[in-house]
Amino acid sequence: MSEKTDFKTKALGSISTLGPIGRRLPAPGTWGSVAGVVFYWFAFQGINTPETWLQFAIWAALLAAVAVPVCEAGEKFLGKTDPGEVNFDEFAVMPICYAGLGEIMAQSANTLYWLTAGFALFRLFDIFKPFGIKKLQNLKGGWGVVADDFAAAVLTCICLWIGHLIIAASATA
């Protein structure tokens, strides 16, 4: 490995674990998800509305796409396939959990509940990998690391939207 490649792998490997979060804390996927929720709250607040849905979608997709080479570098850096220490995948897909819900959460007195529900559902789906999500881990390299988390985030978003529709329907009844 050349010095330049070695530095790149080390740098991306460190990013893939969110620095010490993935290497030193227990349950690194959970902590990566927490970091992702906090990042979502600060970085995506103004762009997760019906008027800015395209901007949100582009940024969320770019973040998820960047996670693929970062997580693949993390595998090389740690010398393991889909290691638990690599938690950039959880971090990167968390905004997808809340797609389209920004305005709903902002108008709600219970924003923290929405964030917590998204976090809890995502962790549940990421850990248990229902509905064929587990098969996505068979994809090669960083794709396999990120794809299952992406699917868990989409499933989380669907559940949050169903919850919103039930709450809205019961409020008008």
N, C-alpha and C. Protein backbone atom coordinates (compact mmCIF):
# COMPACT_ATOMS: atom_id res chain seq x y z
N MET A 1 0.84 -1.18 0.00
CA MET A 1 0.00 0.00 0.00
C MET A 1 0.88 1.24 0.00
N SER A 2 0.59 2.22 -0.83
CA SER A 2 1.39 3.43 -0.86
C SER A 2 1.06 4.29 0.35
N GLU A 3 1.97 5.25 0.62
CA GLU A 3 1.74 6.13 1.76
C GLU A 3 0.46 6.93 1.61
N LYS A 4 0.19 7.40 0.39
CA LYS A 4 -1.01 8.19 0.12
C LYS A 4 -2.27 7.35 0.35
N THR A 5 -2.28 6.13 -0.18
CA THR A 5 -3.42 5.24 0.01
C THR A 5 -3.57 4.89 1.48
N ASP A 6 -2.46 4.64 2.15
CA ASP A 6 -2.49 4.29 3.56
C ASP A 6 -3.11 5.44 4.38
N PHE A 7 -2.71 6.67 4.09
CA PHE A 7 -3.27 7.81 4.80
C PHE A 7 -4.77 7.94 4.52
N LYS A 8 -5.16 7.76 3.25
CA LYS A 8 -6.57 7.85 2.87
C LYS A 8 -7.39 6.78 3.61
N THR A 9 -6.88 5.56 3.64
CA THR A 9 -7.59 4.47 4.31
C THR A 9 -7.71 4.76 5.81
N LYS A 10 -6.63 5.26 6.41
CA LYS A 10 -6.67 5.59 7.84
C LYS A 10 -7.66 6.71 8.12
N ALA A 11 -7.64 7.75 7.27
CA ALA A 11 -8.54 8.89 7.48
C ALA A 11 -9.99 8.45 7.32
N LEU A 12 -10.30 7.75 6.23
CA LEU A 12 -11.67 7.28 6.02
C LEU A 12 -12.07 6.24 7.07
N GLY A 13 -11.09 5.43 7.47
CA GLY A 13 -11.36 4.44 8.52
C GLY A 13 -11.75 5.11 9.83
N SER A 14 -11.09 6.21 10.14
CA SER A 14 -11.43 6.96 11.35
C SER A 14 -12.81 7.60 11.23
N ILE A 15 -13.12 8.14 10.06
CA ILE A 15 -14.45 8.72 9.84
C ILE A 15 -15.51 7.63 9.94
N SER A 16 -15.20 6.44 9.42
CA SER A 16 -16.18 5.35 9.41
C SER A 16 -16.62 4.93 10.80
N THR A 17 -15.79 5.17 11.78
CA THR A 17 -16.13 4.83 13.17
C THR A 17 -16.57 6.07 13.96
N LEU A 18 -16.73 7.18 13.25
CA LEU A 18 -17.01 8.47 13.90
C LEU A 18 -15.99 8.73 15.00
N GLY A 19 -14.73 8.52 14.62
CA GLY A 19 -13.64 8.72 15.57
C GLY A 19 -13.73 7.71 16.70
N PRO A 20 -13.62 8.18 17.93
CA PRO A 20 -13.63 7.25 19.07
C PRO A 20 -15.01 6.65 19.38
N ILE A 21 -16.08 7.21 18.82
CA ILE A 21 -17.42 6.72 19.14
C ILE A 21 -17.55 5.24 18.81
N GLY A 22 -17.09 4.85 17.65
CA GLY A 22 -17.21 3.46 17.23
C GLY A 22 -16.18 2.54 17.85
N ARG A 23 -15.04 3.09 18.22
CA ARG A 23 -13.97 2.24 18.73
C ARG A 23 -13.95 2.12 20.24
N ARG A 24 -14.55 3.07 20.96
CA ARG A 24 -14.41 3.06 22.41
C ARG A 24 -15.70 2.89 23.19
N LEU A 25 -16.83 3.22 22.57
CA LEU A 25 -18.09 3.12 23.31
C LEU A 25 -18.77 1.78 23.06
N PRO A 26 -19.49 1.29 24.07
CA PRO A 26 -20.26 0.07 23.82
C PRO A 26 -21.43 0.39 22.88
N ALA A 27 -21.93 -0.61 22.19
CA ALA A 27 -23.05 -0.44 21.25
C ALA A 27 -22.78 0.69 20.26
N PRO A 28 -21.72 0.57 19.46
CA PRO A 28 -21.35 1.67 18.56
C PRO A 28 -22.42 2.04 17.54
N GLY A 29 -23.23 1.08 17.09
CA GLY A 29 -24.31 1.40 16.16
C GLY A 29 -25.36 2.30 16.79
N THR A 30 -25.63 2.07 18.05
CA THR A 30 -26.58 2.90 18.77
C THR A 30 -26.04 4.32 18.90
N TRP A 31 -24.77 4.45 19.27
CA TRP A 31 -24.17 5.78 19.41
C TRP A 31 -24.04 6.48 18.06
N GLY A 32 -23.78 5.72 17.01
CA GLY A 32 -23.76 6.31 15.67
C GLY A 32 -25.12 6.84 15.28
N SER A 33 -26.18 6.11 15.67
CA SER A 33 -27.55 6.55 15.41
C SER A 33 -27.88 7.81 16.20
N VAL A 34 -27.46 7.86 17.46
CA VAL A 34 -27.67 9.06 18.28
C VAL A 34 -27.00 10.25 17.61
N ALA A 35 -25.77 10.07 17.17
CA ALA A 35 -25.05 11.15 16.48
C ALA A 35 -25.80 11.56 15.21
N GLY A 36 -26.38 10.58 14.52
CA GLY A 36 -27.14 10.87 13.31
C GLY A 36 -28.40 11.67 13.58
N VAL A 37 -29.09 11.37 14.68
CA VAL A 37 -30.28 12.13 15.05
C VAL A 37 -29.90 13.57 15.37
N VAL A 38 -28.84 13.75 16.14
CA VAL A 38 -28.39 15.10 16.49
C VAL A 38 -27.98 15.85 15.22
N PHE A 39 -27.25 15.19 14.35
CA PHE A 39 -26.85 15.81 13.08
C PHE A 39 -28.07 16.20 12.27
N TYR A 40 -29.04 15.29 12.16
CA TYR A 40 -30.27 15.60 11.44
C TYR A 40 -30.91 16.85 12.01
N TRP A 41 -31.04 16.91 13.33
CA TRP A 41 -31.75 18.02 13.96
C TRP A 41 -31.09 19.35 13.62
N PHE A 42 -29.78 19.39 13.63
CA PHE A 42 -29.09 20.66 13.37
C PHE A 42 -28.89 20.95 11.88
N ALA A 43 -28.66 19.95 11.07
CA ALA A 43 -28.31 20.18 9.66
C ALA A 43 -29.49 20.20 8.71
N PHE A 44 -30.59 19.53 9.06
CA PHE A 44 -31.68 19.36 8.10
C PHE A 44 -32.96 20.11 8.47
N GLN A 45 -32.97 20.85 9.56
CA GLN A 45 -34.20 21.48 10.00
C GLN A 45 -34.85 22.38 8.96
N GLY A 46 -34.11 23.23 8.33
CA GLY A 46 -34.69 24.16 7.39
C GLY A 46 -35.02 23.58 6.03
N ILE A 47 -34.58 22.35 5.78
CA ILE A 47 -34.78 21.80 4.42
C ILE A 47 -35.61 20.52 4.40
N ASN A 48 -36.33 20.23 5.44
CA ASN A 48 -37.18 19.03 5.45
C ASN A 48 -38.64 19.46 5.49
N THR A 49 -39.03 20.24 4.50
CA THR A 49 -40.39 20.74 4.40
C THR A 49 -40.93 20.41 3.01
N PRO A 50 -42.22 20.51 2.81
CA PRO A 50 -42.77 20.23 1.47
C PRO A 50 -42.17 21.12 0.38
N GLU A 51 -41.86 22.36 0.72
CA GLU A 51 -41.29 23.27 -0.27
C GLU A 51 -39.84 22.93 -0.63
N THR A 52 -39.14 22.26 0.26
CA THR A 52 -37.72 21.98 0.04
C THR A 52 -37.44 20.47 -0.02
N TRP A 53 -38.43 19.67 -0.35
CA TRP A 53 -38.28 18.22 -0.34
C TRP A 53 -37.15 17.76 -1.27
N LEU A 54 -37.00 18.41 -2.43
CA LEU A 54 -35.95 17.99 -3.37
C LEU A 54 -34.57 18.26 -2.79
N GLN A 55 -34.38 19.40 -2.19
CA GLN A 55 -33.11 19.72 -1.54
C GLN A 55 -32.81 18.71 -0.44
N PHE A 56 -33.82 18.41 0.38
CA PHE A 56 -33.64 17.40 1.43
C PHE A 56 -33.25 16.06 0.83
N ALA A 57 -33.97 15.63 -0.20
CA ALA A 57 -33.70 14.33 -0.82
C ALA A 57 -32.29 14.26 -1.38
N ILE A 58 -31.84 15.33 -2.01
CA ILE A 58 -30.49 15.34 -2.58
C ILE A 58 -29.45 15.22 -1.47
N TRP A 59 -29.56 16.03 -0.42
CA TRP A 59 -28.59 15.98 0.66
C TRP A 59 -28.60 14.65 1.40
N ALA A 60 -29.80 14.11 1.66
CA ALA A 60 -29.89 12.82 2.35
C ALA A 60 -29.30 11.70 1.48
N ALA A 61 -29.59 11.73 0.18
CA ALA A 61 -29.04 10.71 -0.73
C ALA A 61 -27.53 10.84 -0.85
N LEU A 62 -27.02 12.06 -0.92
CA LEU A 62 -25.57 12.26 -0.98
C LEU A 62 -24.88 11.73 0.27
N LEU A 63 -25.47 12.01 1.41
CA LEU A 63 -24.89 11.54 2.67
C LEU A 63 -24.86 10.01 2.70
N ALA A 64 -25.95 9.38 2.28
CA ALA A 64 -25.99 7.91 2.24
C ALA A 64 -24.99 7.37 1.21
N ALA A 65 -24.85 8.05 0.07
CA ALA A 65 -23.91 7.60 -0.96
C ALA A 65 -22.47 7.74 -0.49
N VAL A 66 -22.16 8.80 0.23
CA VAL A 66 -20.81 9.00 0.76
C VAL A 66 -20.48 7.89 1.77
N ALA A 67 -21.50 7.40 2.46
CA ALA A 67 -21.28 6.36 3.46
C ALA A 67 -20.73 5.07 2.84
N VAL A 68 -21.05 4.80 1.58
CA VAL A 68 -20.61 3.54 0.96
C VAL A 68 -19.08 3.46 0.91
N PRO A 69 -18.36 4.41 0.30
CA PRO A 69 -16.89 4.29 0.30
C PRO A 69 -16.27 4.48 1.68
N VAL A 70 -16.90 5.30 2.51
CA VAL A 70 -16.37 5.51 3.87
C VAL A 70 -16.44 4.21 4.66
N CYS A 71 -17.57 3.52 4.59
CA CYS A 71 -17.72 2.26 5.34
C CYS A 71 -16.85 1.16 4.75
N GLU A 72 -16.69 1.16 3.43
CA GLU A 72 -15.80 0.17 2.81
C GLU A 72 -14.36 0.40 3.27
N ALA A 73 -13.95 1.65 3.36
CA ALA A 73 -12.61 1.96 3.88
C ALA A 73 -12.49 1.53 5.33
N GLY A 74 -13.59 1.66 6.09
CA GLY A 74 -13.58 1.21 7.49
C GLY A 74 -13.36 -0.28 7.60
N GLU A 75 -13.95 -1.04 6.68
CA GLU A 75 -13.73 -2.49 6.66
C GLU A 75 -12.25 -2.79 6.42
N LYS A 76 -11.66 -2.11 5.45
CA LYS A 76 -10.24 -2.31 5.13
C LYS A 76 -9.37 -1.88 6.30
N PHE A 77 -9.69 -0.74 6.89
CA PHE A 77 -8.93 -0.19 8.01
C PHE A 77 -8.92 -1.14 9.20
N LEU A 78 -10.07 -1.74 9.48
CA LEU A 78 -10.18 -2.64 10.63
C LEU A 78 -9.92 -4.10 10.27
N GLY A 79 -9.87 -4.40 8.97
CA GLY A 79 -9.60 -5.77 8.53
C GLY A 79 -10.73 -6.74 8.83
N LYS A 80 -11.97 -6.23 8.83
CA LYS A 80 -13.15 -7.06 9.13
C LYS A 80 -14.25 -6.73 8.13
N THR A 81 -15.17 -7.69 7.94
CA THR A 81 -16.35 -7.46 7.12
C THR A 81 -17.48 -6.92 7.99
N ASP A 82 -18.02 -5.78 7.61
CA ASP A 82 -19.12 -5.11 8.32
C ASP A 82 -18.90 -5.11 9.84
N PRO A 83 -17.77 -4.54 10.28
CA PRO A 83 -17.50 -4.54 11.72
C PRO A 83 -18.44 -3.61 12.49
N GLY A 84 -18.75 -3.98 13.70
CA GLY A 84 -19.63 -3.18 14.53
C GLY A 84 -19.08 -1.79 14.81
N GLU A 85 -17.77 -1.68 14.84
CA GLU A 85 -17.15 -0.38 15.11
C GLU A 85 -17.47 0.66 14.04
N VAL A 86 -17.72 0.18 12.82
CA VAL A 86 -18.07 1.09 11.72
C VAL A 86 -19.53 1.49 11.91
N ASN A 87 -19.73 2.76 12.26
CA ASN A 87 -21.08 3.24 12.54
C ASN A 87 -21.46 4.46 11.71
N PHE A 88 -20.65 4.80 10.73
CA PHE A 88 -20.99 5.91 9.85
C PHE A 88 -22.24 5.58 9.03
N ASP A 89 -22.49 4.30 8.80
CA ASP A 89 -23.69 3.90 8.07
C ASP A 89 -24.95 4.29 8.84
N GLU A 90 -24.99 4.02 10.12
CA GLU A 90 -26.14 4.42 10.94
C GLU A 90 -26.27 5.95 10.96
N PHE A 91 -25.16 6.61 11.18
CA PHE A 91 -25.15 8.08 11.21
C PHE A 91 -25.69 8.67 9.92
N ALA A 92 -25.23 8.16 8.79
CA ALA A 92 -25.54 8.75 7.50
C ALA A 92 -26.99 8.59 7.07
N VAL A 93 -27.64 7.52 7.48
CA VAL A 93 -29.02 7.28 7.01
C VAL A 93 -30.09 7.82 7.95
N MET A 94 -29.72 8.29 9.11
CA MET A 94 -30.74 8.77 10.06
C MET A 94 -31.65 9.86 9.49
N PRO A 95 -31.15 10.81 8.70
CA PRO A 95 -32.08 11.80 8.14
C PRO A 95 -33.21 11.17 7.31
N ILE A 96 -32.96 10.05 6.67
CA ILE A 96 -33.97 9.39 5.86
C ILE A 96 -35.16 8.96 6.71
N CYS A 97 -34.90 8.63 7.96
CA CYS A 97 -35.99 8.24 8.88
C CYS A 97 -37.05 9.32 8.99
N TYR A 98 -36.64 10.56 8.86
CA TYR A 98 -37.54 11.69 9.10
C TYR A 98 -37.95 12.41 7.81
N ALA A 99 -37.76 11.77 6.67
CA ALA A 99 -38.07 12.40 5.38
C ALA A 99 -39.50 12.91 5.33
N GLY A 100 -39.64 14.18 5.03
CA GLY A 100 -40.95 14.79 4.90
C GLY A 100 -41.64 15.14 6.20
N LEU A 101 -41.04 14.81 7.31
CA LEU A 101 -41.68 15.03 8.62
C LEU A 101 -41.20 16.29 9.33
N GLY A 102 -40.29 17.03 8.72
CA GLY A 102 -39.71 18.20 9.38
C GLY A 102 -40.74 19.22 9.82
N GLU A 103 -41.64 19.58 8.92
CA GLU A 103 -42.67 20.57 9.25
C GLU A 103 -43.65 20.02 10.30
N ILE A 104 -43.98 18.75 10.18
CA ILE A 104 -44.89 18.12 11.14
C ILE A 104 -44.25 18.12 12.53
N MET A 105 -42.98 17.79 12.59
CA MET A 105 -42.29 17.80 13.89
C MET A 105 -42.16 19.21 14.43
N ALA A 106 -41.89 20.18 13.56
CA ALA A 106 -41.73 21.57 14.00
C ALA A 106 -43.03 22.14 14.55
N GLN A 107 -44.16 21.71 14.00
CA GLN A 107 -45.47 22.20 14.46
C GLN A 107 -45.96 21.44 15.69
N SER A 108 -45.31 20.35 16.01
CA SER A 108 -45.73 19.51 17.13
C SER A 108 -45.08 19.99 18.42
N ALA A 109 -45.82 19.88 19.48
CA ALA A 109 -45.24 20.17 20.80
C ALA A 109 -44.40 18.99 21.26
N ASN A 110 -44.44 17.91 20.49
CA ASN A 110 -43.75 16.67 20.88
C ASN A 110 -42.62 16.30 19.93
N THR A 111 -41.84 17.27 19.51
CA THR A 111 -40.75 17.01 18.57
C THR A 111 -39.81 15.94 19.11
N LEU A 112 -39.51 16.00 20.38
CA LEU A 112 -38.61 15.02 20.99
C LEU A 112 -39.18 13.61 20.87
N TYR A 113 -40.50 13.47 20.96
CA TYR A 113 -41.12 12.16 20.81
C TYR A 113 -40.92 11.62 19.39
N TRP A 114 -41.08 12.48 18.39
CA TRP A 114 -40.86 12.06 17.00
C TRP A 114 -39.42 11.62 16.79
N LEU A 115 -38.48 12.41 17.31
CA LEU A 115 -37.07 12.06 17.16
C LEU A 115 -36.76 10.74 17.86
N THR A 116 -37.31 10.58 19.06
CA THR A 116 -37.09 9.35 19.83
C THR A 116 -37.74 8.15 19.16
N ALA A 117 -38.95 8.32 18.65
CA ALA A 117 -39.64 7.22 17.97
C ALA A 117 -38.86 6.80 16.72
N GLY A 118 -38.36 7.77 15.97
CA GLY A 118 -37.55 7.44 14.79
C GLY A 118 -36.29 6.70 15.16
N PHE A 119 -35.63 7.17 16.20
CA PHE A 119 -34.42 6.50 16.68
C PHE A 119 -34.71 5.07 17.11
N ALA A 120 -35.76 4.90 17.93
CA ALA A 120 -36.09 3.57 18.47
C ALA A 120 -36.51 2.61 17.35
N LEU A 121 -37.34 3.07 16.44
CA LEU A 121 -37.75 2.20 15.33
C LEU A 121 -36.56 1.82 14.45
N PHE A 122 -35.72 2.81 14.17
CA PHE A 122 -34.54 2.52 13.35
C PHE A 122 -33.66 1.47 14.01
N ARG A 123 -33.39 1.63 15.29
CA ARG A 123 -32.53 0.66 15.98
C ARG A 123 -33.18 -0.73 15.97
N LEU A 124 -34.48 -0.78 16.18
CA LEU A 124 -35.21 -2.04 16.15
C LEU A 124 -35.05 -2.72 14.79
N PHE A 125 -35.29 -1.97 13.71
CA PHE A 125 -35.18 -2.54 12.37
C PHE A 125 -33.73 -2.84 11.99
N ASP A 126 -32.80 -2.03 12.48
CA ASP A 126 -31.39 -2.26 12.17
C ASP A 126 -30.86 -3.51 12.89
N ILE A 127 -31.33 -3.74 14.08
CA ILE A 127 -30.86 -4.89 14.86
C ILE A 127 -31.51 -6.19 14.36
N PHE A 128 -32.83 -6.18 14.19
CA PHE A 128 -33.55 -7.41 13.83
C PHE A 128 -33.65 -7.66 12.32
N LYS A 129 -33.46 -6.62 11.52
CA LYS A 129 -33.44 -6.72 10.06
C LYS A 129 -34.60 -7.55 9.48
N PRO A 130 -35.84 -7.10 9.70
CA PRO A 130 -37.00 -7.85 9.19
C PRO A 130 -37.21 -7.62 7.69
N PHE A 131 -38.15 -8.36 7.13
CA PHE A 131 -38.62 -8.17 5.75
C PHE A 131 -37.50 -8.26 4.71
N GLY A 132 -36.56 -9.13 4.92
CA GLY A 132 -35.49 -9.32 3.94
C GLY A 132 -34.35 -8.32 4.02
N ILE A 133 -34.39 -7.43 5.00
CA ILE A 133 -33.32 -6.44 5.14
C ILE A 133 -31.97 -7.12 5.36
N LYS A 134 -31.97 -8.24 6.07
CA LYS A 134 -30.74 -8.95 6.36
C LYS A 134 -30.00 -9.36 5.08
N LYS A 135 -30.75 -9.72 4.03
CA LYS A 135 -30.14 -10.15 2.77
C LYS A 135 -29.32 -9.04 2.12
N LEU A 136 -29.64 -7.80 2.41
CA LEU A 136 -28.90 -6.68 1.82
C LEU A 136 -27.45 -6.64 2.29
N GLN A 137 -27.18 -7.24 3.44
CA GLN A 137 -25.80 -7.29 3.93
C GLN A 137 -24.91 -8.14 3.05
N ASN A 138 -25.48 -8.96 2.18
CA ASN A 138 -24.70 -9.81 1.28
C ASN A 138 -24.09 -9.04 0.12
N LEU A 139 -24.50 -7.79 -0.07
CA LEU A 139 -23.90 -6.98 -1.13
C LEU A 139 -22.43 -6.77 -0.82
N LYS A 140 -21.65 -6.55 -1.83
CA LYS A 140 -20.19 -6.43 -1.67
C LYS A 140 -19.78 -5.10 -1.06
N GLY A 141 -18.76 -5.14 -0.24
CA GLY A 141 -18.10 -3.95 0.29
C GLY A 141 -19.02 -3.02 1.05
N GLY A 142 -18.81 -1.73 0.82
CA GLY A 142 -19.58 -0.70 1.52
C GLY A 142 -21.06 -0.74 1.21
N TRP A 143 -21.43 -1.27 0.03
CA TRP A 143 -22.85 -1.39 -0.31
C TRP A 143 -23.58 -2.26 0.70
N GLY A 144 -22.97 -3.38 1.09
CA GLY A 144 -23.59 -4.28 2.06
C GLY A 144 -23.66 -3.68 3.46
N VAL A 145 -22.68 -2.83 3.77
CA VAL A 145 -22.66 -2.19 5.08
C VAL A 145 -23.79 -1.17 5.18
N VAL A 146 -24.02 -0.42 4.10
CA VAL A 146 -24.97 0.69 4.12
C VAL A 146 -26.39 0.28 3.73
N ALA A 147 -26.54 -0.66 2.82
CA ALA A 147 -27.87 -0.98 2.26
C ALA A 147 -28.87 -1.41 3.32
N ASP A 148 -28.46 -2.23 4.27
CA ASP A 148 -29.41 -2.67 5.30
C ASP A 148 -29.85 -1.52 6.19
N ASP A 149 -28.95 -0.60 6.46
CA ASP A 149 -29.30 0.57 7.26
C ASP A 149 -30.22 1.51 6.48
N PHE A 150 -29.95 1.65 5.19
CA PHE A 150 -30.81 2.46 4.33
C PHE A 150 -32.24 1.90 4.34
N ALA A 151 -32.35 0.58 4.19
CA ALA A 151 -33.68 -0.06 4.19
C ALA A 151 -34.35 0.11 5.55
N ALA A 152 -33.60 -0.01 6.63
CA ALA A 152 -34.16 0.18 7.97
C ALA A 152 -34.65 1.62 8.14
N ALA A 153 -33.92 2.58 7.57
CA ALA A 153 -34.34 3.98 7.65
C ALA A 153 -35.62 4.23 6.85
N VAL A 154 -35.73 3.64 5.67
CA VAL A 154 -36.94 3.79 4.86
C VAL A 154 -38.14 3.18 5.59
N LEU A 155 -37.94 2.00 6.16
CA LEU A 155 -39.02 1.35 6.91
C LEU A 155 -39.43 2.19 8.13
N THR A 156 -38.46 2.78 8.78
CA THR A 156 -38.73 3.67 9.90
C THR A 156 -39.57 4.86 9.45
N CYS A 157 -39.19 5.46 8.32
CA CYS A 157 -39.92 6.61 7.79
C CYS A 157 -41.37 6.23 7.49
N ILE A 158 -41.56 5.08 6.89
CA ILE A 158 -42.92 4.62 6.59
C ILE A 158 -43.73 4.48 7.87
N CYS A 159 -43.14 3.89 8.89
CA CYS A 159 -43.84 3.72 10.17
C CYS A 159 -44.17 5.07 10.83
N LEU A 160 -43.24 6.01 10.76
CA LEU A 160 -43.50 7.33 11.33
C LEU A 160 -44.63 8.04 10.58
N TRP A 161 -44.65 7.89 9.26
CA TRP A 161 -45.74 8.49 8.49
C TRP A 161 -47.08 7.84 8.83
N ILE A 162 -47.09 6.54 8.99
CA ILE A 162 -48.33 5.85 9.39
C ILE A 162 -48.78 6.38 10.76
N GLY A 163 -47.83 6.52 11.67
CA GLY A 163 -48.14 7.07 12.99
C GLY A 163 -48.71 8.47 12.88
N HIS A 164 -48.13 9.29 12.04
CA HIS A 164 -48.63 10.65 11.85
C HIS A 164 -50.05 10.64 11.30
N LEU A 165 -50.30 9.78 10.30
CA LEU A 165 -51.64 9.72 9.72
C LEU A 165 -52.68 9.25 10.73
N ILE A 166 -52.31 8.31 11.58
CA ILE A 166 -53.23 7.83 12.63
C ILE A 166 -53.50 8.95 13.63
N ILE A 167 -52.47 9.64 14.04
CA ILE A 167 -52.65 10.76 14.98
C ILE A 167 -53.51 11.86 14.37
N ALA A 168 -53.25 12.20 13.11
CA ALA A 168 -54.03 13.24 12.43
C ALA A 168 -55.48 12.84 12.29
N ALA A 169 -55.71 11.56 11.94
CA ALA A 169 -57.10 11.07 11.78
C ALA A 169 -57.84 11.07 13.12
N SER A 170 -57.15 10.70 14.18
CA SER A 170 -57.82 10.66 15.48
C SER A 170 -58.07 12.07 16.02
N ALA A 171 -57.26 13.03 15.61
CA ALA A 171 -57.45 14.40 16.05
C ALA A 171 -58.66 15.05 15.37
N THR A 172 -58.98 14.61 14.16
CA THR A 172 -60.12 15.17 13.45
C THR A 172 -61.41 14.43 13.71
N ALA A 173 -61.29 13.27 14.36
CA ALA A 173 -62.50 12.45 14.62
C ALA A 173 -63.25 12.94 15.83
